[in-house]
Amino acid sequence: MKTIDKILQRMKREGDVTAKALAQELRLTTMGVRQHLQGLEESGLVDFHDVKVKVGRPTRHWRLTAQGHNQFTDRHGDLIIQMLDSVEDLFGASGLEKVINQREQQTFEQYQQALAKCENLKEKLELLTTLREQEGYMAELLHDEQGYLLVENHCPICHAAKRCPSLCQSELNVFQRLLGNEYLVVRNDHIIAGERRCAYRIMNN
């Protein structure tokens, strides 16, 4: 993978980053990384903001622009939107709702079968994260004092979800059904709402 692709991947997965941190992660010189960042800025893929610190000059943090995020394209996004439009034209809003509900049920059954042998919440979430990662969601599972946080740094159905927001609700429904009434799943961050990622907090109910 080219260095610029690694930089874009890093920003997509983890958000804002300094040139120094990138240099350490990629084992490059800070000057070399800055040259890559300047090239990406000129291409419109990244921009920066300066963060004040107590001592010394502000620290420059780099991040993806909207154009940069668009480098991570949706899988067959335009085709899916055309199909959704066709379903609604032919069968109306109720027909489109049936298609989405059917997709939700199929996704739930697929995940339920995959998670059948998991013995606890941790195992379920780890396997679910792996499944989502394989589907292109750039998923990761975090754990802190509040519990688990399932993070999806990319949405491969983003265009379709903007056209049909109930797809997002459907994904949340699947997670909740998989974990059962013992747990509450809350979406804290939402790509469709303009945030960098989707993040689902899993709490005891």
Protein backbone atom coordinates (compact mmCIF):
# COMPACT_ATOMS: atom_id res chain seq x y z
CA MET A 1 0.00 0.00 0.00
CA LYS A 2 1.32 3.45 -0.91
CA THR A 3 2.20 5.86 1.90
CA ILE A 4 -0.56 8.29 0.96
CA ASP A 5 -3.09 5.44 1.06
CA LYS A 6 -1.84 4.45 4.52
CA ILE A 7 -2.28 8.06 5.66
CA LEU A 8 -5.83 8.20 4.32
CA GLN A 9 -6.66 4.83 5.89
CA ARG A 10 -5.30 6.00 9.24
CA MET A 11 -7.42 9.17 9.19
CA LYS A 12 -10.50 7.26 8.11
CA ARG A 13 -10.17 4.75 10.92
CA GLU A 14 -9.03 7.02 13.75
CA GLY A 15 -9.73 10.64 12.82
CA ASP A 16 -7.46 13.63 13.42
CA VAL A 17 -3.72 12.98 13.58
CA THR A 18 -0.50 14.99 13.75
CA ALA A 19 2.40 14.68 11.32
CA LYS A 20 4.62 13.56 14.19
CA ALA A 21 2.27 10.73 15.16
CA LEU A 22 1.99 9.61 11.54
CA ALA A 23 5.77 9.64 11.19
CA GLN A 24 6.13 7.38 14.23
CA GLU A 25 3.44 4.97 13.04
CA LEU A 26 4.73 4.77 9.47
CA ARG A 27 8.40 4.89 10.46
CA LEU A 28 9.07 7.92 8.27
CA THR A 29 10.60 11.33 8.92
CA THR A 30 8.25 14.06 10.06
CA MET A 31 9.38 16.18 7.11
CA GLY A 32 8.54 13.37 4.69
CA VAL A 33 5.07 12.97 6.18
CA ARG A 34 4.47 16.72 5.99
CA GLN A 35 5.28 16.63 2.29
CA HIS A 36 2.71 13.87 1.78
CA LEU A 37 0.14 15.83 3.79
CA GLN A 38 0.74 18.99 1.78
CA GLY A 39 0.23 17.02 -1.42
CA LEU A 40 -3.01 15.57 -0.09
CA GLU A 41 -4.12 19.05 0.98
CA GLU A 42 -3.46 20.42 -2.50
CA SER A 43 -5.58 17.57 -3.87
CA GLY A 44 -8.41 18.56 -1.54
CA LEU A 45 -8.36 15.26 0.35
CA VAL A 46 -7.20 16.56 3.75
CA ASP A 47 -7.17 19.80 5.70
CA PHE A 48 -5.95 20.82 9.14
CA HIS A 49 -6.77 22.78 12.25
CA ASP A 50 -4.39 24.07 14.90
CA VAL A 51 -4.91 23.17 18.57
CA LYS A 52 -3.52 25.50 21.20
CA VAL A 53 -1.20 23.99 23.81
CA LYS A 54 -0.02 25.40 27.13
CA VAL A 55 3.56 25.84 26.01
CA GLY A 56 4.92 26.53 22.52
CA ARG A 57 3.27 26.74 19.14
CA PRO A 58 -0.16 25.24 18.43
CA THR A 59 -0.21 21.61 17.33
CA ARG A 60 -1.41 20.99 13.78
CA HIS A 61 -3.97 18.20 13.42
CA TRP A 62 -4.82 16.78 10.01
CA ARG A 63 -8.14 15.21 8.97
CA LEU A 64 -10.05 14.03 5.92
CA THR A 65 -12.20 16.46 3.99
CA ALA A 66 -15.56 15.43 2.53
CA GLN A 67 -13.68 14.69 -0.70
CA GLY A 68 -11.24 12.57 1.27
CA HIS A 69 -14.05 10.55 2.82
CA ASN A 70 -15.46 10.01 -0.66
CA GLN A 71 -12.29 8.14 -1.60
CA PHE A 72 -13.75 5.26 0.42
CA THR A 73 -16.62 4.63 -1.95
CA ASP A 74 -19.81 2.80 -1.14
CA ARG A 75 -20.14 -0.65 -2.63
CA HIS A 76 -22.35 -0.31 -5.72
CA GLY A 77 -23.92 2.79 -4.14
CA ASP A 78 -25.52 4.21 -7.29
CA LEU A 79 -26.90 0.84 -8.32
CA ILE A 80 -28.50 0.30 -4.90
CA ILE A 81 -30.15 3.72 -5.03
CA GLN A 82 -31.55 2.99 -8.49
CA MET A 83 -32.96 -0.28 -7.20
CA LEU A 84 -34.54 1.42 -4.19
CA ASP A 85 -36.10 4.04 -6.46
CA SER A 86 -37.43 1.31 -8.76
CA VAL A 87 -38.94 -0.65 -5.87
CA GLU A 88 -40.68 2.47 -4.56
CA ASP A 89 -41.94 3.40 -8.06
CA LEU A 90 -43.33 -0.08 -8.67
CA PHE A 91 -44.65 -1.02 -5.24
CA GLY A 92 -44.91 2.24 -3.31
CA ALA A 93 -43.51 3.17 0.10
CA SER A 94 -45.01 0.07 1.69
CA GLY A 95 -43.23 -2.14 -0.83
CA LEU A 96 -39.92 -0.43 -0.09
CA GLU A 97 -40.51 -0.94 3.62
CA LYS A 98 -41.09 -4.65 3.04
CA VAL A 99 -37.79 -4.94 1.16
CA ILE A 100 -35.92 -3.23 4.00
CA ASN A 101 -37.63 -5.41 6.60
CA GLN A 102 -36.71 -8.51 4.61
CA ARG A 103 -33.06 -7.39 4.44
CA GLU A 104 -33.10 -6.78 8.19
CA GLN A 105 -34.45 -10.27 8.88
CA GLN A 106 -31.92 -11.93 6.57
CA THR A 107 -29.05 -10.00 8.16
CA PHE A 108 -30.27 -10.89 11.64
CA GLU A 109 -30.53 -14.60 10.80
CA GLN A 110 -27.07 -14.60 9.22
CA TYR A 111 -25.48 -12.97 12.27
CA GLN A 112 -27.52 -15.05 14.71
CA GLN A 113 -26.25 -18.25 13.12
CA ALA A 114 -22.66 -16.98 13.19
CA LEU A 115 -22.92 -16.00 16.87
CA ALA A 116 -24.75 -19.16 17.97
CA LYS A 117 -21.73 -20.71 19.74
CA CYS A 118 -20.62 -17.52 21.51
CA GLU A 119 -20.88 -17.95 25.27
CA ASN A 120 -20.89 -14.35 26.49
CA LEU A 121 -21.28 -10.72 25.43
CA LYS A 122 -17.58 -10.23 24.77
CA GLU A 123 -17.39 -13.16 22.36
CA LYS A 124 -20.54 -12.02 20.57
CA LEU A 125 -19.28 -8.49 20.09
CA GLU A 126 -15.83 -9.62 18.97
CA LEU A 127 -17.30 -11.89 16.31
CA LEU A 128 -19.87 -9.28 15.26
CA THR A 129 -17.03 -6.77 14.86
CA THR A 130 -15.15 -9.25 12.67
CA LEU A 131 -18.23 -9.79 10.50
CA ARG A 132 -18.76 -6.05 10.08
CA GLU A 133 -15.08 -5.54 9.27
CA GLN A 134 -15.33 -8.18 6.55
CA GLU A 135 -18.33 -6.35 5.10
CA GLY A 136 -16.36 -3.13 4.73
CA TYR A 137 -17.43 -1.14 7.80
CA MET A 138 -13.87 -0.66 9.13
CA ALA A 139 -15.20 -1.91 12.45
CA GLU A 140 -13.43 -2.05 15.79
CA LEU A 141 -14.51 -2.93 19.32
CA LEU A 142 -13.47 -0.67 22.18
CA HIS A 143 -13.86 -1.24 25.91
CA ASP A 144 -13.83 1.38 28.65
CA GLU A 145 -15.30 2.04 32.09
CA GLN A 146 -18.76 2.43 30.54
CA GLY A 147 -18.64 -0.90 28.76
CA TYR A 148 -18.30 -1.75 25.08
CA LEU A 149 -18.33 0.56 22.08
CA LEU A 150 -18.73 -0.88 18.59
CA VAL A 151 -17.21 1.62 16.16
CA GLU A 152 -17.71 1.65 12.39
CA ASN A 153 -15.35 4.08 10.71
CA HIS A 154 -16.89 3.62 7.28
CA CYS A 155 -20.34 2.84 5.93
CA PRO A 156 -20.33 0.89 2.65
CA ILE A 157 -24.07 1.58 2.21
CA CYS A 158 -23.88 5.28 3.06
CA HIS A 159 -25.41 6.57 -0.20
CA ALA A 160 -28.29 4.15 0.08
CA ALA A 161 -28.82 5.06 3.75
CA LYS A 162 -29.02 8.76 2.86
CA ARG A 163 -31.67 7.89 0.29
CA CYS A 164 -33.47 5.61 2.73
CA PRO A 165 -32.67 6.43 6.40
CA SER A 166 -34.68 3.45 7.63
CA LEU A 167 -31.69 1.31 6.56
CA CYS A 168 -29.77 2.84 9.47
CA GLN A 169 -32.57 2.08 11.91
CA SER A 170 -32.65 -1.44 10.52
CA GLU A 171 -28.96 -1.97 11.37
CA LEU A 172 -29.55 -0.72 14.91
CA ASN A 173 -32.52 -3.07 15.20
CA VAL A 174 -30.34 -6.03 14.18
CA PHE A 175 -27.74 -5.28 16.85
CA GLN A 176 -30.41 -4.92 19.52
CA ARG A 177 -32.15 -8.16 18.53
CA LEU A 178 -28.85 -10.05 18.51
CA LEU A 179 -27.93 -9.00 22.06
CA GLY A 180 -31.43 -9.30 23.52
CA ASN A 181 -33.34 -7.34 26.15
CA GLU A 182 -30.57 -7.80 28.71
CA TYR A 183 -28.58 -5.09 26.91
CA LEU A 184 -29.38 -1.68 25.44
CA VAL A 185 -27.72 -0.59 22.19
CA VAL A 186 -27.51 3.17 21.60
CA ARG A 187 -26.01 4.86 18.54
CA ASN A 188 -23.86 7.72 19.86
CA ASP A 189 -22.25 8.82 16.58
CA HIS A 190 -23.82 8.69 13.15
CA ILE A 191 -22.14 9.19 9.77
CA ILE A 192 -25.42 10.24 8.14
CA ALA A 193 -25.69 13.05 10.70
CA GLY A 194 -22.33 14.39 9.54
CA GLU A 195 -20.07 12.72 12.08
CA ARG A 196 -16.85 10.90 11.23
CA ARG A 197 -18.07 7.46 12.26
CA CYS A 198 -20.97 5.43 13.58
CA ALA A 199 -20.53 4.28 17.17
CA TYR A 200 -22.82 1.97 19.14
CA ARG A 201 -22.69 1.94 22.94
CA ILE A 202 -23.69 -1.39 24.51
CA MET A 203 -24.98 -1.08 28.08
CA ASN A 204 -26.74 -3.27 30.62
CA ASN A 205 -30.46 -2.69 30.38
